């Protein structure tokens, strides 16, 4: 698609997320929706039992199931759309399905690099690398990297930042 050219890095290949990250996102989506069902639909059921408004509960359930199915169905495409490309002076990150986004952060603007991994990510041997910049909107996150890959990306970011005299 011609519009996709806008979201490509100049003369670079995208690095994609680990295929295991798809499972992390799917599990996170299911857990989040189970909490939603428990927190919202359970009280709604109690309030509408033997009520003339019981149909409202079933409408909410149907709507929640449709939205849940849509969220689960879009996860694989979202994971495939996420990518990053490192260059000597900056890093590009692209993401998004409906609202595409391309972010370029120069290493010279970098203030902090952090690695994070939640319990589900750790279960799958994954981690996220986050680069924080001086700008309030300049932080980028690269999720779903294998641990060794996250360590290598972290070290490259730090080395390039030091080389370009960033604020690390």
N, C-alpha and C. Protein backbone atom coordinates (compact mmCIF):
# COMPACT_ATOMS: atom_id res chain seq x y z
N UNK A 1 0.83 -1.18 0.00
CA UNK A 1 0.00 0.00 0.00
C UNK A 1 0.89 1.25 0.00
N UNK A 2 0.57 2.25 -0.80
CA UNK A 2 1.39 3.46 -0.83
C UNK A 2 1.46 4.17 0.51
N UNK A 3 0.37 4.18 1.28
CA UNK A 3 0.40 4.88 2.56
C UNK A 3 1.33 4.20 3.56
N UNK A 4 1.59 2.89 3.38
CA UNK A 4 2.50 2.19 4.28
C UNK A 4 3.93 2.68 4.13
N UNK A 5 4.28 3.27 2.98
CA UNK A 5 5.62 3.81 2.78
C UNK A 5 5.94 4.90 3.80
N UNK A 6 4.92 5.62 4.24
CA UNK A 6 5.09 6.67 5.22
C UNK A 6 5.59 6.11 6.55
N UNK A 7 5.30 4.85 6.84
CA UNK A 7 5.62 4.26 8.12
C UNK A 7 6.82 3.31 8.06
N UNK A 8 7.62 3.43 7.01
CA UNK A 8 8.82 2.62 6.87
C UNK A 8 10.05 3.44 7.24
N UNK A 9 11.04 2.82 7.89
CA UNK A 9 12.27 3.56 8.19
C UNK A 9 13.10 3.71 6.93
N UNK A 10 13.87 4.78 6.82
CA UNK A 10 14.71 4.96 5.64
C UNK A 10 15.78 3.86 5.54
N UNK A 11 15.73 3.08 4.49
CA UNK A 11 16.75 2.08 4.15
C UNK A 11 17.06 1.10 5.28
N UNK A 12 16.07 0.69 6.01
CA UNK A 12 16.28 -0.27 7.09
C UNK A 12 15.23 -1.37 7.03
N UNK A 13 15.56 -2.49 7.61
CA UNK A 13 14.60 -3.57 7.77
C UNK A 13 14.03 -3.52 9.18
N UNK A 14 12.74 -3.79 9.30
CA UNK A 14 12.11 -3.82 10.61
C UNK A 14 12.55 -5.07 11.36
N UNK A 15 12.80 -4.91 12.63
CA UNK A 15 12.96 -6.04 13.53
C UNK A 15 11.58 -6.26 14.14
N UNK A 16 11.11 -7.48 14.14
CA UNK A 16 9.77 -7.77 14.64
C UNK A 16 9.84 -8.35 16.04
N UNK A 17 8.69 -8.40 16.70
CA UNK A 17 8.62 -8.93 18.06
C UNK A 17 8.67 -10.45 18.02
N UNK A 18 9.01 -11.03 19.16
CA UNK A 18 9.05 -12.48 19.27
C UNK A 18 7.66 -13.05 19.03
N UNK A 19 7.56 -14.17 18.32
CA UNK A 19 6.26 -14.81 18.13
C UNK A 19 5.59 -15.20 19.46
N UNK A 20 6.39 -15.41 20.50
CA UNK A 20 5.83 -15.75 21.81
C UNK A 20 5.05 -14.59 22.40
N UNK A 21 5.32 -13.36 21.93
CA UNK A 21 4.62 -12.20 22.47
C UNK A 21 3.13 -12.24 22.12
N UNK A 22 2.78 -12.91 21.04
CA UNK A 22 1.37 -13.08 20.69
C UNK A 22 0.63 -13.75 21.84
N UNK A 23 1.23 -14.78 22.42
CA UNK A 23 0.59 -15.48 23.54
C UNK A 23 0.50 -14.60 24.77
N UNK A 24 1.52 -13.79 25.01
CA UNK A 24 1.49 -12.86 26.14
C UNK A 24 0.31 -11.90 25.99
N UNK A 25 0.15 -11.33 24.79
CA UNK A 25 -0.96 -10.40 24.55
C UNK A 25 -2.31 -11.09 24.65
N UNK A 26 -2.42 -12.31 24.11
CA UNK A 26 -3.69 -13.04 24.19
C UNK A 26 -4.05 -13.36 25.64
N UNK A 27 -3.09 -13.82 26.42
CA UNK A 27 -3.35 -14.13 27.82
C UNK A 27 -3.73 -12.86 28.58
N UNK A 28 -3.03 -11.76 28.32
CA UNK A 28 -3.36 -10.49 28.96
C UNK A 28 -4.76 -10.02 28.61
N UNK A 29 -5.15 -10.19 27.36
CA UNK A 29 -6.48 -9.80 26.92
C UNK A 29 -7.55 -10.64 27.62
N UNK A 30 -7.33 -11.94 27.69
CA UNK A 30 -8.30 -12.83 28.34
C UNK A 30 -8.41 -12.49 29.83
N UNK A 31 -7.28 -12.28 30.50
CA UNK A 31 -7.32 -11.95 31.93
C UNK A 31 -8.04 -10.62 32.14
N UNK A 32 -7.75 -9.63 31.33
CA UNK A 32 -8.41 -8.34 31.46
C UNK A 32 -9.91 -8.44 31.28
N UNK A 33 -10.34 -9.23 30.31
CA UNK A 33 -11.77 -9.38 30.08
C UNK A 33 -12.44 -10.24 31.14
N UNK A 34 -11.73 -11.20 31.71
CA UNK A 34 -12.30 -11.96 32.83
C UNK A 34 -12.53 -11.03 34.02
N UNK A 35 -11.60 -10.12 34.26
CA UNK A 35 -11.79 -9.14 35.34
C UNK A 35 -12.99 -8.25 35.02
N UNK A 36 -13.12 -7.84 33.77
CA UNK A 36 -14.27 -7.03 33.37
C UNK A 36 -15.57 -7.77 33.62
N UNK A 37 -15.62 -9.04 33.18
CA UNK A 37 -16.84 -9.82 33.37
C UNK A 37 -17.17 -9.95 34.86
N UNK A 38 -16.16 -10.18 35.68
CA UNK A 38 -16.40 -10.33 37.11
C UNK A 38 -16.81 -9.01 37.77
N UNK A 39 -16.16 -7.92 37.39
CA UNK A 39 -16.39 -6.65 38.06
C UNK A 39 -17.64 -5.93 37.58
N UNK A 40 -18.00 -6.07 36.31
CA UNK A 40 -19.12 -5.31 35.77
C UNK A 40 -20.35 -6.18 35.56
N UNK A 41 -20.17 -7.31 34.94
CA UNK A 41 -21.34 -8.11 34.60
C UNK A 41 -21.93 -8.87 35.79
N UNK A 42 -21.09 -9.27 36.75
CA UNK A 42 -21.64 -9.96 37.92
C UNK A 42 -22.58 -9.06 38.72
N UNK A 43 -22.16 -7.84 39.08
CA UNK A 43 -23.12 -6.96 39.77
C UNK A 43 -24.34 -6.62 38.90
N UNK A 44 -24.12 -6.46 37.60
CA UNK A 44 -25.26 -6.16 36.73
C UNK A 44 -26.26 -7.31 36.75
N UNK A 45 -25.76 -8.53 36.80
CA UNK A 45 -26.65 -9.69 36.86
C UNK A 45 -27.45 -9.71 38.16
N UNK A 46 -26.77 -9.39 39.25
CA UNK A 46 -27.47 -9.35 40.55
C UNK A 46 -28.55 -8.28 40.57
N UNK A 47 -28.27 -7.15 39.92
CA UNK A 47 -29.23 -6.05 39.92
C UNK A 47 -30.43 -6.30 39.00
N UNK A 48 -30.24 -7.12 37.97
CA UNK A 48 -31.32 -7.30 37.00
C UNK A 48 -32.06 -8.62 37.14
N UNK A 49 -31.66 -9.48 38.06
CA UNK A 49 -32.35 -10.76 38.25
C UNK A 49 -33.79 -10.50 38.70
N UNK A 50 -34.72 -11.17 38.06
CA UNK A 50 -36.15 -11.02 38.34
C UNK A 50 -36.60 -9.56 38.23
N UNK A 51 -36.07 -8.89 37.24
CA UNK A 51 -36.40 -7.48 37.03
C UNK A 51 -36.90 -7.32 35.60
N UNK A 52 -37.71 -6.31 35.34
CA UNK A 52 -38.13 -6.08 33.96
C UNK A 52 -36.97 -5.63 33.06
N UNK A 53 -35.83 -5.33 33.67
CA UNK A 53 -34.67 -4.88 32.90
C UNK A 53 -33.62 -5.98 32.71
N UNK A 54 -34.03 -7.21 32.85
CA UNK A 54 -33.11 -8.33 32.68
C UNK A 54 -32.54 -8.36 31.25
N UNK A 55 -33.30 -7.89 30.31
CA UNK A 55 -32.83 -7.85 28.92
C UNK A 55 -31.61 -6.96 28.78
N UNK A 56 -31.47 -5.94 29.64
CA UNK A 56 -30.30 -5.05 29.59
C UNK A 56 -29.03 -5.85 29.93
N UNK A 57 -29.14 -6.72 30.90
CA UNK A 57 -27.99 -7.56 31.25
C UNK A 57 -27.56 -8.42 30.06
N UNK A 58 -28.52 -9.06 29.42
CA UNK A 58 -28.17 -9.94 28.30
C UNK A 58 -27.65 -9.14 27.11
N UNK A 59 -28.12 -7.92 26.95
CA UNK A 59 -27.58 -7.05 25.92
C UNK A 59 -26.12 -6.69 26.24
N UNK A 60 -25.84 -6.40 27.50
CA UNK A 60 -24.46 -6.13 27.92
C UNK A 60 -23.57 -7.34 27.70
N UNK A 61 -24.05 -8.51 28.02
CA UNK A 61 -23.27 -9.74 27.81
C UNK A 61 -22.96 -9.92 26.33
N UNK A 62 -23.97 -9.77 25.49
CA UNK A 62 -23.76 -9.94 24.04
C UNK A 62 -22.75 -8.91 23.52
N UNK A 63 -22.89 -7.67 23.94
CA UNK A 63 -21.96 -6.62 23.52
C UNK A 63 -20.54 -6.93 24.01
N UNK A 64 -20.41 -7.36 25.25
CA UNK A 64 -19.10 -7.69 25.80
C UNK A 64 -18.45 -8.85 25.05
N UNK A 65 -19.24 -9.86 24.69
CA UNK A 65 -18.70 -11.00 23.96
C UNK A 65 -18.22 -10.58 22.57
N UNK A 66 -18.98 -9.73 21.91
CA UNK A 66 -18.58 -9.24 20.58
C UNK A 66 -17.28 -8.44 20.67
N UNK A 67 -17.20 -7.54 21.64
CA UNK A 67 -15.99 -6.72 21.79
C UNK A 67 -14.80 -7.59 22.18
N UNK A 68 -15.01 -8.56 23.06
CA UNK A 68 -13.95 -9.49 23.45
C UNK A 68 -13.44 -10.26 22.23
N UNK A 69 -14.34 -10.79 21.42
CA UNK A 69 -13.94 -11.53 20.22
C UNK A 69 -13.17 -10.64 19.26
N UNK A 70 -13.60 -9.39 19.11
CA UNK A 70 -12.89 -8.45 18.23
C UNK A 70 -11.50 -8.18 18.77
N UNK A 71 -11.36 -7.98 20.08
CA UNK A 71 -10.05 -7.71 20.69
C UNK A 71 -9.11 -8.89 20.50
N UNK A 72 -9.61 -10.11 20.71
CA UNK A 72 -8.77 -11.30 20.55
C UNK A 72 -8.38 -11.48 19.09
N UNK A 73 -9.30 -11.22 18.18
CA UNK A 73 -9.02 -11.40 16.75
C UNK A 73 -7.99 -10.40 16.24
N UNK A 74 -7.92 -9.21 16.82
CA UNK A 74 -6.99 -8.21 16.32
C UNK A 74 -5.59 -8.32 16.92
N UNK A 75 -5.41 -9.10 17.97
CA UNK A 75 -4.10 -9.21 18.62
C UNK A 75 -3.02 -9.71 17.66
N UNK A 76 -3.23 -10.78 16.88
CA UNK A 76 -2.16 -11.22 15.98
C UNK A 76 -1.73 -10.15 14.98
N UNK A 77 -2.67 -9.42 14.46
CA UNK A 77 -2.33 -8.37 13.49
C UNK A 77 -1.58 -7.23 14.16
N UNK A 78 -1.97 -6.87 15.39
CA UNK A 78 -1.28 -5.82 16.12
C UNK A 78 0.18 -6.23 16.37
N UNK A 79 0.40 -7.47 16.77
CA UNK A 79 1.77 -7.94 17.03
C UNK A 79 2.59 -7.92 15.74
N UNK A 80 1.99 -8.31 14.62
CA UNK A 80 2.72 -8.29 13.34
C UNK A 80 3.04 -6.87 12.89
N UNK A 81 2.20 -5.90 13.23
CA UNK A 81 2.42 -4.51 12.81
C UNK A 81 3.50 -3.80 13.61
N UNK A 82 3.83 -4.30 14.79
CA UNK A 82 4.80 -3.64 15.65
C UNK A 82 6.20 -3.99 15.16
N UNK A 83 7.06 -2.98 15.07
CA UNK A 83 8.44 -3.22 14.66
C UNK A 83 9.34 -2.08 15.08
N UNK A 84 10.63 -2.36 15.03
CA UNK A 84 11.61 -1.31 15.33
C UNK A 84 12.81 -1.48 14.41
N UNK A 85 13.51 -0.38 14.18
CA UNK A 85 14.70 -0.39 13.34
C UNK A 85 15.73 0.53 13.98
N UNK A 86 16.92 -0.01 14.18
CA UNK A 86 18.01 0.77 14.77
C UNK A 86 18.92 1.29 13.68
N UNK A 87 19.31 2.54 13.83
CA UNK A 87 20.33 3.12 12.96
C UNK A 87 21.47 3.62 13.84
N UNK A 88 22.49 4.19 13.25
CA UNK A 88 23.63 4.65 14.03
C UNK A 88 23.27 5.79 14.98
N UNK A 89 22.36 6.66 14.57
CA UNK A 89 22.05 7.85 15.36
C UNK A 89 20.66 7.86 15.99
N UNK A 90 19.78 6.95 15.57
CA UNK A 90 18.42 6.98 16.07
C UNK A 90 17.76 5.61 15.95
N UNK A 91 16.58 5.51 16.53
CA UNK A 91 15.80 4.28 16.47
C UNK A 91 14.39 4.64 16.04
N UNK A 92 13.82 3.80 15.18
CA UNK A 92 12.44 3.96 14.70
C UNK A 92 11.57 2.88 15.34
N UNK A 93 10.36 3.25 15.71
CA UNK A 93 9.37 2.28 16.22
C UNK A 93 8.07 2.55 15.48
N UNK A 94 7.45 1.49 14.97
CA UNK A 94 6.16 1.62 14.31
C UNK A 94 5.16 0.68 14.98
N UNK A 95 3.92 1.12 15.01
CA UNK A 95 2.87 0.30 15.62
C UNK A 95 1.52 0.80 15.16
N UNK A 96 0.50 0.06 15.53
CA UNK A 96 -0.87 0.49 15.29
C UNK A 96 -1.56 -0.23 14.16
N UNK A 97 -2.86 -0.40 14.32
CA UNK A 97 -3.69 -0.99 13.28
C UNK A 97 -4.49 0.08 12.57
N UNK A 98 -5.37 0.73 13.29
CA UNK A 98 -6.21 1.75 12.68
C UNK A 98 -5.52 3.11 12.70
N UNK A 99 -4.82 3.37 13.76
CA UNK A 99 -4.07 4.62 13.89
C UNK A 99 -2.59 4.25 13.86
N UNK A 100 -2.02 4.27 12.67
CA UNK A 100 -0.61 3.91 12.50
C UNK A 100 0.27 4.99 13.10
N UNK A 101 1.41 4.60 13.61
CA UNK A 101 2.33 5.55 14.23
C UNK A 101 3.76 5.14 13.94
N UNK A 102 4.57 6.13 13.59
CA UNK A 102 6.01 5.94 13.41
C UNK A 102 6.70 6.96 14.30
N UNK A 103 7.57 6.48 15.18
CA UNK A 103 8.30 7.35 16.08
C UNK A 103 9.79 7.16 15.82
N UNK A 104 10.51 8.27 15.73
CA UNK A 104 11.96 8.25 15.57
C UNK A 104 12.56 9.00 16.75
N UNK A 105 13.44 8.34 17.48
CA UNK A 105 14.07 8.96 18.63
C UNK A 105 15.58 8.94 18.43
N UNK A 106 16.22 10.13 18.40
CA UNK A 106 17.69 10.17 18.32
C UNK A 106 18.30 9.70 19.64
N UNK A 107 19.37 8.93 19.56
CA UNK A 107 20.03 8.44 20.77
C UNK A 107 20.54 9.60 21.62
N UNK A 108 20.88 10.72 20.99
CA UNK A 108 21.39 11.88 21.70
C UNK A 108 20.36 12.50 22.63
N UNK A 109 19.07 12.20 22.46
CA UNK A 109 18.01 12.74 23.32
C UNK A 109 17.68 11.80 24.48
N UNK A 110 18.32 10.65 24.48
CA UNK A 110 18.01 9.62 25.45
C UNK A 110 18.52 9.99 26.84
N UNK A 111 17.68 9.77 27.85
CA UNK A 111 18.08 10.00 29.23
C UNK A 111 18.15 8.71 30.04
N UNK A 112 17.36 7.74 29.66
CA UNK A 112 17.25 6.55 30.48
C UNK A 112 16.84 5.37 29.60
N UNK A 113 17.43 4.21 29.87
CA UNK A 113 17.02 2.97 29.23
C UNK A 113 16.67 2.00 30.34
N UNK A 114 15.50 1.39 30.23
CA UNK A 114 15.10 0.43 31.24
C UNK A 114 14.56 -0.83 30.58
N UNK A 115 14.71 -1.93 31.29
CA UNK A 115 14.18 -3.21 30.84
C UNK A 115 13.12 -3.63 31.86
N UNK A 116 11.98 -4.05 31.38
CA UNK A 116 10.88 -4.45 32.25
C UNK A 116 10.28 -5.76 31.75
N UNK A 117 9.76 -6.55 32.68
CA UNK A 117 9.09 -7.80 32.33
C UNK A 117 8.07 -8.12 33.40
N UNK A 118 6.82 -8.22 32.98
CA UNK A 118 5.76 -8.62 33.90
C UNK A 118 5.77 -10.12 34.09
N UNK A 119 4.89 -10.63 34.94
CA UNK A 119 4.90 -12.07 35.23
C UNK A 119 4.61 -12.95 34.02
N UNK A 120 3.72 -12.52 33.15
CA UNK A 120 3.41 -13.34 31.97
C UNK A 120 4.58 -13.28 30.99
N UNK A 121 5.18 -12.10 30.82
CA UNK A 121 6.36 -11.99 29.95
C UNK A 121 7.49 -12.87 30.46
N UNK A 122 7.74 -12.84 31.76
CA UNK A 122 8.81 -13.67 32.33
C UNK A 122 8.54 -15.15 32.12
N UNK A 123 7.27 -15.55 32.20
CA UNK A 123 6.90 -16.94 31.97
C UNK A 123 7.32 -17.40 30.57
N UNK A 124 7.22 -16.49 29.60
CA UNK A 124 7.57 -16.81 28.21
C UNK A 124 9.01 -16.41 27.87
N UNK A 125 9.78 -15.92 28.83
CA UNK A 125 11.18 -15.54 28.58
C UNK A 125 11.31 -14.27 27.77
N UNK A 126 10.39 -13.33 27.96
CA UNK A 126 10.38 -12.08 27.20
C UNK A 126 10.61 -10.89 28.12
N UNK A 127 10.94 -9.76 27.51
CA UNK A 127 11.10 -8.51 28.25
C UNK A 127 10.82 -7.35 27.30
N UNK A 128 10.63 -6.16 27.88
CA UNK A 128 10.43 -4.93 27.11
C UNK A 128 11.58 -3.99 27.38
N UNK A 129 12.01 -3.27 26.35
CA UNK A 129 13.04 -2.25 26.51
C UNK A 129 12.38 -0.91 26.31
N UNK A 130 12.57 -0.01 27.27
CA UNK A 130 11.97 1.32 27.23
C UNK A 130 13.08 2.36 27.19
N UNK A 131 12.95 3.31 26.27
CA UNK A 131 13.89 4.41 26.17
C UNK A 131 13.13 5.68 26.53
N UNK A 132 13.61 6.38 27.54
CA UNK A 132 13.00 7.62 27.99
C UNK A 132 13.86 8.78 27.52
N UNK A 133 13.21 9.81 26.98
CA UNK A 133 13.93 10.97 26.47
C UNK A 133 13.57 12.20 27.28
N UNK A 134 14.16 13.32 26.90
CA UNK A 134 13.90 14.59 27.59
C UNK A 134 12.48 15.08 27.33
N UNK A 135 11.88 14.66 26.25
CA UNK A 135 10.52 15.08 25.90
C UNK A 135 9.49 14.31 26.72
N UNK A 136 8.40 14.97 27.05
CA UNK A 136 7.35 14.27 27.80
C UNK A 136 6.65 13.22 26.94
N UNK A 137 6.72 13.34 25.63
CA UNK A 137 6.09 12.36 24.74
C UNK A 137 7.11 11.54 23.98
N UNK A 138 8.38 11.65 24.32
CA UNK A 138 9.43 11.02 23.55
C UNK A 138 9.81 9.62 23.97
N UNK A 139 9.18 9.06 24.97
CA UNK A 139 9.53 7.72 25.40
C UNK A 139 9.03 6.69 24.40
N UNK A 140 9.83 5.67 24.17
CA UNK A 140 9.40 4.57 23.31
C UNK A 140 9.54 3.27 24.08
N UNK A 141 8.77 2.31 23.70
CA UNK A 141 8.82 0.99 24.31
C UNK A 141 8.84 -0.06 23.22
N UNK A 142 9.72 -1.02 23.37
CA UNK A 142 9.79 -2.15 22.45
C UNK A 142 9.47 -3.39 23.27
N UNK A 143 8.23 -3.87 23.20
CA UNK A 143 7.84 -5.04 24.00
C UNK A 143 8.16 -6.33 23.27
N UNK A 144 8.02 -7.44 23.97
CA UNK A 144 8.05 -8.75 23.33
C UNK A 144 9.37 -9.16 22.76
N UNK A 145 10.47 -8.78 23.41
CA UNK A 145 11.79 -9.21 22.96
C UNK A 145 12.23 -10.40 23.81
N UNK A 146 12.90 -11.38 23.17
CA UNK A 146 13.50 -12.45 23.94
C UNK A 146 14.51 -11.83 24.90
N UNK A 147 14.75 -12.48 26.03
CA UNK A 147 15.63 -11.89 27.05
C UNK A 147 17.00 -11.51 26.50
N UNK A 148 17.61 -12.40 25.73
CA UNK A 148 18.93 -12.11 25.18
C UNK A 148 18.86 -10.93 24.20
N UNK A 149 17.81 -10.89 23.41
CA UNK A 149 17.63 -9.79 22.47
C UNK A 149 17.39 -8.48 23.22
N UNK A 150 16.60 -8.51 24.31
CA UNK A 150 16.35 -7.32 25.11
C UNK A 150 17.65 -6.81 25.74
N UNK A 151 18.46 -7.73 26.20
CA UNK A 151 19.75 -7.34 26.78
C UNK A 151 20.65 -6.70 25.73
N UNK A 152 20.68 -7.27 24.53
CA UNK A 152 21.50 -6.71 23.45
C UNK A 152 20.99 -5.34 23.02
N UNK A 153 19.67 -5.18 22.89
CA UNK A 153 19.10 -3.88 22.51
C UNK A 153 19.40 -2.85 23.59
N UNK A 154 19.21 -3.22 24.85
CA UNK A 154 19.53 -2.31 25.96
C UNK A 154 20.98 -1.84 25.89
N UNK A 155 21.91 -2.79 25.71
CA UNK A 155 23.33 -2.44 25.67
C UNK A 155 23.66 -1.56 24.46
N UNK A 156 23.05 -1.86 23.30
CA UNK A 156 23.29 -1.01 22.11
C UNK A 156 22.77 0.40 22.33
N UNK A 157 21.58 0.52 22.90
CA UNK A 157 21.02 1.85 23.18
C UNK A 157 21.94 2.63 24.12
N UNK A 158 22.40 1.99 25.18
CA UNK A 158 23.27 2.66 26.15
C UNK A 158 24.59 3.06 25.49
N UNK A 159 25.20 2.14 24.75
CA UNK A 159 26.48 2.45 24.09
C UNK A 159 26.34 3.58 23.08
N UNK A 160 25.30 3.54 22.28
CA UNK A 160 25.10 4.61 21.30
C UNK A 160 24.78 5.93 21.98
N UNK A 161 24.02 5.88 23.07
CA UNK A 161 23.73 7.09 23.82
C UNK A 161 24.97 7.70 24.42
N UNK A 162 25.84 6.87 24.98
CA UNK A 162 27.10 7.37 25.53
C UNK A 162 28.00 7.92 24.43
N UNK A 163 28.02 7.24 23.30
CA UNK A 163 28.84 7.68 22.18
C UNK A 163 28.37 9.06 21.67
N UNK A 164 27.07 9.27 21.68
CA UNK A 164 26.52 10.55 21.19
C UNK A 164 26.33 11.55 22.32
N UNK A 165 26.90 11.26 23.48
CA UNK A 165 26.86 12.13 24.66
C UNK A 165 25.43 12.43 25.10
N UNK A 166 24.64 11.39 25.17
CA UNK A 166 23.26 11.55 25.65
C UNK A 166 23.29 11.69 27.17
N UNK A 167 22.15 11.96 27.74
CA UNK A 167 22.06 12.21 29.16
C UNK A 167 22.03 10.98 30.04
N UNK A 168 22.54 9.85 29.57
CA UNK A 168 22.54 8.65 30.40
C UNK A 168 23.65 8.74 31.42
